[in-house]
């Protein structure tokens, strides 16, 4: 299992765990990041931070430091 940061544009993964707490955990869960949610990286900024992810039909930008706390299984 790896963090969400390992996904490059076009890659897909499935959420296994969210390791953050407090308000950020709540925000991530509010956008639909719960266990077994499919996440596809659809782009990244020129500097690489943040990346854009397709989550339940919505594109969401997530900073690298927050991606580190989202554990995924990368789809093959």
C-alpha atoms as a PDB file:
ATOM      1  CA  UNK A   1       0.000   0.000   0.000  1.00  0.00           C
ATOM      2  CA  UNK A   2       1.192   3.460  -0.880  1.00  0.00           C
ATOM      3  CA  UNK A   3       0.114   7.056  -0.442  1.00  0.00           C
ATOM      4  CA  UNK A   4      -2.008   8.959  -2.954  1.00  0.00           C
ATOM      5  CA  UNK A   5       1.169  10.808  -4.031  1.00  0.00           C
ATOM      6  CA  UNK A   6       2.329   7.812  -6.110  1.00  0.00           C
ATOM      7  CA  UNK A   7      -0.457   8.289  -8.663  1.00  0.00           C
ATOM      8  CA  UNK A   8       0.494  10.015 -11.908  1.00  0.00           C
ATOM      9  CA  UNK A   9      -2.033  11.387 -14.396  1.00  0.00           C
ATOM     10  CA  UNK A  10      -4.048   8.452 -15.739  1.00  0.00           C
ATOM     11  CA  UNK A  11      -3.340   6.175 -12.753  1.00  0.00           C
ATOM     12  CA  UNK A  12      -6.123   4.769 -10.561  1.00  0.00           C
ATOM     13  CA  UNK A  13      -6.124   3.662  -6.939  1.00  0.00           C
ATOM     14  CA  UNK A  14      -8.571   2.675  -4.213  1.00  0.00           C
ATOM     15  CA  UNK A  15      -8.614   4.301  -0.766  1.00  0.00           C
ATOM     16  CA  UNK A  16      -7.660   1.949   2.050  1.00  0.00           C
ATOM     17  CA  UNK A  17      -7.121   4.362   4.948  1.00  0.00           C
ATOM     18  CA  UNK A  18      -7.078   8.048   5.836  1.00  0.00           C
ATOM     19  CA  UNK A  19      -4.397   8.735   8.441  1.00  0.00           C
ATOM     20  CA  UNK A  20      -5.200  12.375   9.145  1.00  0.00           C
ATOM     21  CA  UNK A  21      -7.430  13.656  11.960  1.00  0.00           C
ATOM     22  CA  UNK A  22      -9.603  16.641  12.740  1.00  0.00           C
ATOM     23  CA  UNK A  23     -10.955  19.101  10.201  1.00  0.00           C
ATOM     24  CA  UNK A  24      -8.881  17.776   7.284  1.00  0.00           C
ATOM     25  CA  UNK A  25     -10.147  14.223   7.846  1.00  0.00           C
ATOM     26  CA  UNK A  26     -13.713  15.565   7.871  1.00  0.00           C
ATOM     27  CA  UNK A  27     -13.158  17.510   4.622  1.00  0.00           C
ATOM     28  CA  UNK A  28     -11.714  14.464   2.877  1.00  0.00           C
ATOM     29  CA  UNK A  29     -14.628  12.318   4.003  1.00  0.00           C
ATOM     30  CA  UNK A  30     -17.105  15.024   2.931  1.00  0.00           C
ATOM     31  CA  UNK A  31     -15.783  14.876  -0.645  1.00  0.00           C
ATOM     32  CA  UNK A  32     -16.299  11.115  -0.639  1.00  0.00           C
ATOM     33  CA  UNK A  33     -12.895   9.758   0.311  1.00  0.00           C
ATOM     34  CA  UNK A  34     -13.848   6.703   2.296  1.00  0.00           C
ATOM     35  CA  UNK A  35     -12.588   3.116   2.201  1.00  0.00           C
ATOM     36  CA  UNK A  36     -12.678   1.501  -1.258  1.00  0.00           C
ATOM     37  CA  UNK A  37     -13.384   4.765  -3.102  1.00  0.00           C
ATOM     38  CA  UNK A  38     -11.931   4.804  -6.630  1.00  0.00           C
ATOM     39  CA  UNK A  39      -9.537   7.728  -7.173  1.00  0.00           C
ATOM     40  CA  UNK A  40      -8.054   8.664 -10.552  1.00  0.00           C
ATOM     41  CA  UNK A  41      -5.285  11.215 -10.972  1.00  0.00           C
ATOM     42  CA  UNK A  42      -6.350  13.493 -13.832  1.00  0.00           C
ATOM     43  CA  UNK A  43      -3.609  16.101 -13.710  1.00  0.00           C
ATOM     44  CA  UNK A  44      -1.070  18.053 -11.742  1.00  0.00           C
ATOM     45  CA  UNK A  45       0.043  21.637 -11.575  1.00  0.00           C
ATOM     46  CA  UNK A  46       3.301  22.630 -13.341  1.00  0.00           C
ATOM     47  CA  UNK A  47       5.133  22.475 -10.004  1.00  0.00           C
ATOM     48  CA  UNK A  48       3.567  19.086  -9.199  1.00  0.00           C
ATOM     49  CA  UNK A  49       1.648  20.365  -6.165  1.00  0.00           C
ATOM     50  CA  UNK A  50      -1.334  20.090  -5.989  1.00  0.00           C
ATOM     51  CA  UNK A  51      -2.592  17.191  -8.085  1.00  0.00           C
ATOM     52  CA  UNK A  52      -6.144  16.875  -9.425  1.00  0.00           C
ATOM     53  CA  UNK A  53      -8.120  13.706  -8.712  1.00  0.00           C
ATOM     54  CA  UNK A  54     -11.433  12.417 -10.017  1.00  0.00           C
ATOM     55  CA  UNK A  55     -13.416  11.306  -6.972  1.00  0.00           C
ATOM     56  CA  UNK A  56     -17.031  10.165  -7.355  1.00  0.00           C
ATOM     57  CA  UNK A  57     -17.537  12.247 -10.506  1.00  0.00           C
ATOM     58  CA  UNK A  58     -15.928  15.425  -9.168  1.00  0.00           C
ATOM     59  CA  UNK A  59     -12.410  16.739  -9.815  1.00  0.00           C
ATOM     60  CA  UNK A  60     -10.711  17.810  -6.589  1.00  0.00           C
ATOM     61  CA  UNK A  61      -7.236  19.312  -6.084  1.00  0.00           C
ATOM     62  CA  UNK A  62      -5.350  17.879  -3.111  1.00  0.00           C
ATOM     63  CA  UNK A  63      -1.985  19.108  -1.832  1.00  0.00           C
ATOM     64  CA  UNK A  64       0.929  16.668  -1.628  1.00  0.00           C
ATOM     65  CA  UNK A  65       1.168  16.979   2.159  1.00  0.00           C
ATOM     66  CA  UNK A  66      -2.463  15.867   2.449  1.00  0.00           C
ATOM     67  CA  UNK A  67      -1.975  13.084  -0.125  1.00  0.00           C
ATOM     68  CA  UNK A  68       0.713  11.572   2.121  1.00  0.00           C
ATOM     69  CA  UNK A  69      -1.997  10.741   4.686  1.00  0.00           C
ATOM     70  CA  UNK A  70      -4.273   8.948   2.206  1.00  0.00           C
ATOM     71  CA  UNK A  71      -3.264   5.303   1.851  1.00  0.00           C
ATOM     72  CA  UNK A  72      -4.296   3.541  -1.356  1.00  0.00           C
ATOM     73  CA  UNK A  73      -3.943   0.304  -3.266  1.00  0.00           C
ATOM     74  CA  UNK A  74      -2.820   1.178  -6.775  1.00  0.00           C
ATOM     75  CA  UNK A  75      -4.939  -0.459  -9.492  1.00  0.00           C
ATOM     76  CA  UNK A  76      -3.074  -2.521 -12.050  1.00  0.00           C
END
